[in-house]
C-alpha atoms as a PDB file:
ATOM      1  CA  MET A   1      -6.097  -4.631 -18.381  1.00  0.00           C
ATOM      2  CA  GLY A   2      -5.238  -8.078 -17.117  1.00  0.00           C
ATOM      3  CA  SER A   3      -4.212  -8.993 -13.644  1.00  0.00           C
ATOM      4  CA  PHE A   4      -1.497 -11.187 -12.223  1.00  0.00           C
ATOM      5  CA  SER A   5      -2.056 -14.767 -11.275  1.00  0.00           C
ATOM      6  CA  ASP A   6      -2.308 -15.812  -7.647  1.00  0.00           C
ATOM      7  CA  ASP A   7       1.037 -17.534  -8.019  1.00  0.00           C
ATOM      8  CA  VAL A   8       2.702 -14.288  -9.078  1.00  0.00           C
ATOM      9  CA  LEU A   9       1.016 -12.267  -6.277  1.00  0.00           C
ATOM     10  CA  LYS A  10       2.008 -14.848  -3.619  1.00  0.00           C
ATOM     11  CA  ALA A  11       5.590 -14.950  -4.977  1.00  0.00           C
ATOM     12  CA  ALA A  12       5.733 -11.103  -4.743  1.00  0.00           C
ATOM     13  CA  ALA A  13       4.588 -11.293  -1.116  1.00  0.00           C
ATOM     14  CA  ARG A  14       6.980 -14.097  -0.262  1.00  0.00           C
ATOM     15  CA  GLU A  15      10.225 -13.143  -2.074  1.00  0.00           C
ATOM     16  CA  ARG A  16      12.555 -10.650  -0.475  1.00  0.00           C
ATOM     17  CA  GLU A  17      14.401  -9.938  -3.747  1.00  0.00           C
ATOM     18  CA  VAL A  18      13.420 -10.267  -7.330  1.00  0.00           C
ATOM     19  CA  THR A  19      15.271  -9.784 -10.591  1.00  0.00           C
ATOM     20  CA  LEU A  20      14.120  -7.190 -13.114  1.00  0.00           C
ATOM     21  CA  THR A  21      15.455  -7.339 -16.648  1.00  0.00           C
ATOM     22  CA  THR A  22      15.262  -4.209 -18.726  1.00  0.00           C
ATOM     23  CA  ILE A  23      16.576  -3.427 -22.174  1.00  0.00           C
ATOM     24  CA  GLY A  24      19.076  -0.551 -22.304  1.00  0.00           C
ATOM     25  CA  ARG A  25      17.547   2.480 -24.002  1.00  0.00           C
ATOM     26  CA  LYS A  26      20.926   3.269 -25.620  1.00  0.00           C
ATOM     27  CA  SER A  27      22.727  -0.030 -25.746  1.00  0.00           C
ATOM     28  CA  GLY A  28      19.774  -2.331 -26.638  1.00  0.00           C
ATOM     29  CA  LYS A  29      21.332  -4.896 -24.337  1.00  0.00           C
ATOM     30  CA  ALA A  30      19.553  -6.756 -21.498  1.00  0.00           C
ATOM     31  CA  HIS A  31      20.355  -5.455 -17.999  1.00  0.00           C
ATOM     32  CA  ARG A  32      19.469  -7.233 -14.793  1.00  0.00           C
ATOM     33  CA  VAL A  33      19.021  -5.700 -11.417  1.00  0.00           C
ATOM     34  CA  THR A  34      18.021  -7.229  -8.051  1.00  0.00           C
ATOM     35  CA  ILE A  35      15.339  -5.175  -6.363  1.00  0.00           C
ATOM     36  CA  TRP A  36      12.682  -5.335  -3.722  1.00  0.00           C
ATOM     37  CA  ILE A  37       8.998  -5.869  -4.548  1.00  0.00           C
ATOM     38  CA  THR A  38       5.776  -5.487  -2.660  1.00  0.00           C
ATOM     39  CA  THR A  39       2.137  -6.124  -3.240  1.00  0.00           C
ATOM     40  CA  ASP A  40      -1.183  -5.062  -1.813  1.00  0.00           C
ATOM     41  CA  GLY A  41      -2.600  -8.427  -2.684  1.00  0.00           C
ATOM     42  CA  THR A  42      -3.834  -7.447  -6.106  1.00  0.00           C
ATOM     43  CA  ARG A  43      -1.147  -5.144  -7.577  1.00  0.00           C
ATOM     44  CA  LEU A  44       2.658  -5.314  -7.709  1.00  0.00           C
ATOM     45  CA  PHE A  45       4.986  -2.422  -6.975  1.00  0.00           C
ATOM     46  CA  ILE A  46       8.656  -1.823  -7.389  1.00  0.00           C
ATOM     47  CA  ARG A  47      10.785   1.233  -6.770  1.00  0.00           C
ATOM     48  CA  SER A  48      14.316   2.540  -7.028  1.00  0.00           C
ATOM     49  CA  GLY A  49      15.518   3.664  -3.673  1.00  0.00           C
ATOM     50  CA  GLN A  50      17.917   6.094  -5.388  1.00  0.00           C
ATOM     51  CA  GLY A  51      15.162   7.587  -7.571  1.00  0.00           C
ATOM     52  CA  LEU A  52      14.873   8.054 -11.255  1.00  0.00           C
ATOM     53  CA  ARG A  53      18.601   8.777 -11.754  1.00  0.00           C
ATOM     54  CA  ARG A  54      19.329   5.010 -11.826  1.00  0.00           C
ATOM     55  CA  GLN A  55      19.622   3.379 -15.235  1.00  0.00           C
ATOM     56  CA  TRP A  56      16.996   0.708 -14.700  1.00  0.00           C
ATOM     57  CA  PRO A  57      14.015   3.051 -14.065  1.00  0.00           C
ATOM     58  CA  GLN A  58      15.052   5.079 -17.088  1.00  0.00           C
ATOM     59  CA  ASN A  59      15.239   1.987 -19.276  1.00  0.00           C
ATOM     60  CA  LEU A  60      11.905   0.757 -17.929  1.00  0.00           C
ATOM     61  CA  ILE A  61      10.240   4.076 -18.804  1.00  0.00           C
ATOM     62  CA  ALA A  62      11.894   4.327 -22.257  1.00  0.00           C
ATOM     63  CA  ARG A  63      11.149   0.767 -23.285  1.00  0.00           C
ATOM     64  CA  GLY A  64       7.812   0.419 -21.554  1.00  0.00           C
ATOM     65  CA  GLU A  65       8.390  -3.154 -20.619  1.00  0.00           C
ATOM     66  CA  GLY A  66      10.602  -5.558 -18.662  1.00  0.00           C
ATOM     67  CA  GLU A  67      10.719  -9.052 -17.307  1.00  0.00           C
ATOM     68  CA  LEU A  68      10.398  -9.874 -13.619  1.00  0.00           C
ATOM     69  CA  GLN A  69      11.786 -13.106 -12.122  1.00  0.00           C
ATOM     70  CA  LEU A  70      10.154 -14.024  -8.794  1.00  0.00           C
ATOM     71  CA  GLY A  71      11.785 -17.224  -7.686  1.00  0.00           C
ATOM     72  CA  LYS A  72      11.195 -19.677 -10.535  1.00  0.00           C
ATOM     73  CA  LEU A  73       8.410 -17.557 -12.066  1.00  0.00           C
ATOM     74  CA  ARG A  74       9.107 -15.157 -14.948  1.00  0.00           C
ATOM     75  CA  VAL A  75       6.513 -12.695 -16.022  1.00  0.00           C
ATOM     76  CA  LYS A  76       6.642  -9.861 -18.607  1.00  0.00           C
ATOM     77  CA  VAL A  77       5.534  -6.575 -17.181  1.00  0.00           C
ATOM     78  CA  LYS A  78       4.754  -2.947 -18.172  1.00  0.00           C
ATOM     79  CA  PRO A  79       5.421  -0.067 -15.805  1.00  0.00           C
ATOM     80  CA  ARG A  80       3.135   2.590 -14.701  1.00  0.00           C
ATOM     81  CA  LEU A  81       4.943   5.406 -12.753  1.00  0.00           C
ATOM     82  CA  VAL A  82       3.011   6.165  -9.650  1.00  0.00           C
ATOM     83  CA  THR A  83       2.453   9.983  -9.722  1.00  0.00           C
ATOM     84  CA  ASP A  84      -0.265  10.217  -7.102  1.00  0.00           C
ATOM     85  CA  LEU A  85       1.309  11.477  -3.908  1.00  0.00           C
ATOM     86  CA  ALA A  86      -1.029   9.541  -1.617  1.00  0.00           C
ATOM     87  CA  ARG A  87      -0.522   6.300  -3.535  1.00  0.00           C
ATOM     88  CA  ALA A  88       3.314   6.682  -3.497  1.00  0.00           C
ATOM     89  CA  ARG A  89       3.132   7.099   0.267  1.00  0.00           C
ATOM     90  CA  ALA A  90       0.830   4.146   0.595  1.00  0.00           C
ATOM     91  CA  VAL A  91       3.332   1.991  -1.301  1.00  0.00           C
ATOM     92  CA  SER A  92       5.958   3.207   1.160  1.00  0.00           C
ATOM     93  CA  ALA A  93       3.857   1.805   3.944  1.00  0.00           C
ATOM     94  CA  LEU A  94       3.663  -1.573   2.107  1.00  0.00           C
ATOM     95  CA  TYR A  95       7.452  -1.547   1.749  1.00  0.00           C
ATOM     96  CA  ARG A  96       7.947  -0.590   5.379  1.00  0.00           C
ATOM     97  CA  LYS A  97       5.700  -3.407   6.499  1.00  0.00           C
ATOM     98  CA  LYS A  98       7.678  -5.946   4.489  1.00  0.00           C
ATOM     99  CA  TYR A  99      11.211  -4.622   4.801  1.00  0.00           C
ATOM    100  CA  GLY A 100      11.273  -2.768   8.036  1.00  0.00           C
ATOM    101  CA  PRO A 101      11.638   0.740   9.470  1.00  0.00           C
ATOM    102  CA  PHE A 102      14.689   1.680   7.411  1.00  0.00           C
ATOM    103  CA  VAL A 103      12.425   2.179   4.366  1.00  0.00           C
ATOM    104  CA  LYS A 104      12.353   5.940   3.887  1.00  0.00           C
ATOM    105  CA  ALA A 105       8.854   7.485   3.615  1.00  0.00           C
ATOM    106  CA  SER A 106       7.714  11.038   3.392  1.00  0.00           C
ATOM    107  CA  LYS A 107       5.112  12.726   5.480  1.00  0.00           C
ATOM    108  CA  PRO A 108       2.096  14.346   3.799  1.00  0.00           C
ATOM    109  CA  ASN A 109       3.610  17.866   4.278  1.00  0.00           C
ATOM    110  CA  GLN A 110       6.957  16.843   2.765  1.00  0.00           C
ATOM    111  CA  PRO A 111       8.199  16.264  -0.770  1.00  0.00           C
ATOM    112  CA  LEU A 112       8.275  12.608  -1.884  1.00  0.00           C
ATOM    113  CA  THR A 113      11.504  10.678  -1.221  1.00  0.00           C
ATOM    114  CA  PRO A 114      13.617   9.635  -4.251  1.00  0.00           C
ATOM    115  CA  GLY A 115      12.162   6.076  -3.816  1.00  0.00           C
ATOM    116  CA  GLU A 116       8.659   7.319  -3.770  1.00  0.00           C
ATOM    117  CA  GLN A 117       9.329   9.370  -6.955  1.00  0.00           C
ATOM    118  CA  ALA A 118      10.579   6.232  -8.668  1.00  0.00           C
ATOM    119  CA  THR A 119       7.721   3.878  -7.607  1.00  0.00           C
ATOM    120  CA  PHE A 120       6.125   1.832 -10.337  1.00  0.00           C
ATOM    121  CA  GLU A 121       2.923  -0.234 -10.370  1.00  0.00           C
ATOM    122  CA  LEU A 122       3.569  -3.197 -12.651  1.00  0.00           C
ATOM    123  CA  ILE A 123       0.872  -4.500 -14.944  1.00  0.00           C
ATOM    124  CA  PRO A 124       1.057  -7.748 -16.963  1.00  0.00           C
ATOM    125  CA  ALA A 125       2.347  -7.350 -20.470  1.00  0.00           C
ATOM    126  CA  ALA A 126       0.259  -9.013 -23.210  1.00  0.00           C
END
């Protein structure tokens, strides 16, 4: 698997909002959504604060690809749903650091929040 360029990683750290374009699993049409993004310095993460019931996560899973716009950069991505509980909570900590205390995070003895359940690691698409 490849990795993202330094420019993409820096843009993910810098940009407050990015645009994700997915293709509708039923309509086949492009859909754009403005979302938050975070990085641990080597990987990119996005999430749906309202969980997997939103259309864009369902489209991303169904199609297995999307396009991310970070400022002037555009990059094709593939999603990997984060299913490890500890990793989902670690991503919450990254979000909280970047976006503030209103980011909802679960405790180890609690179920994951909807956002944690809809957390994706993005990988570069070939």
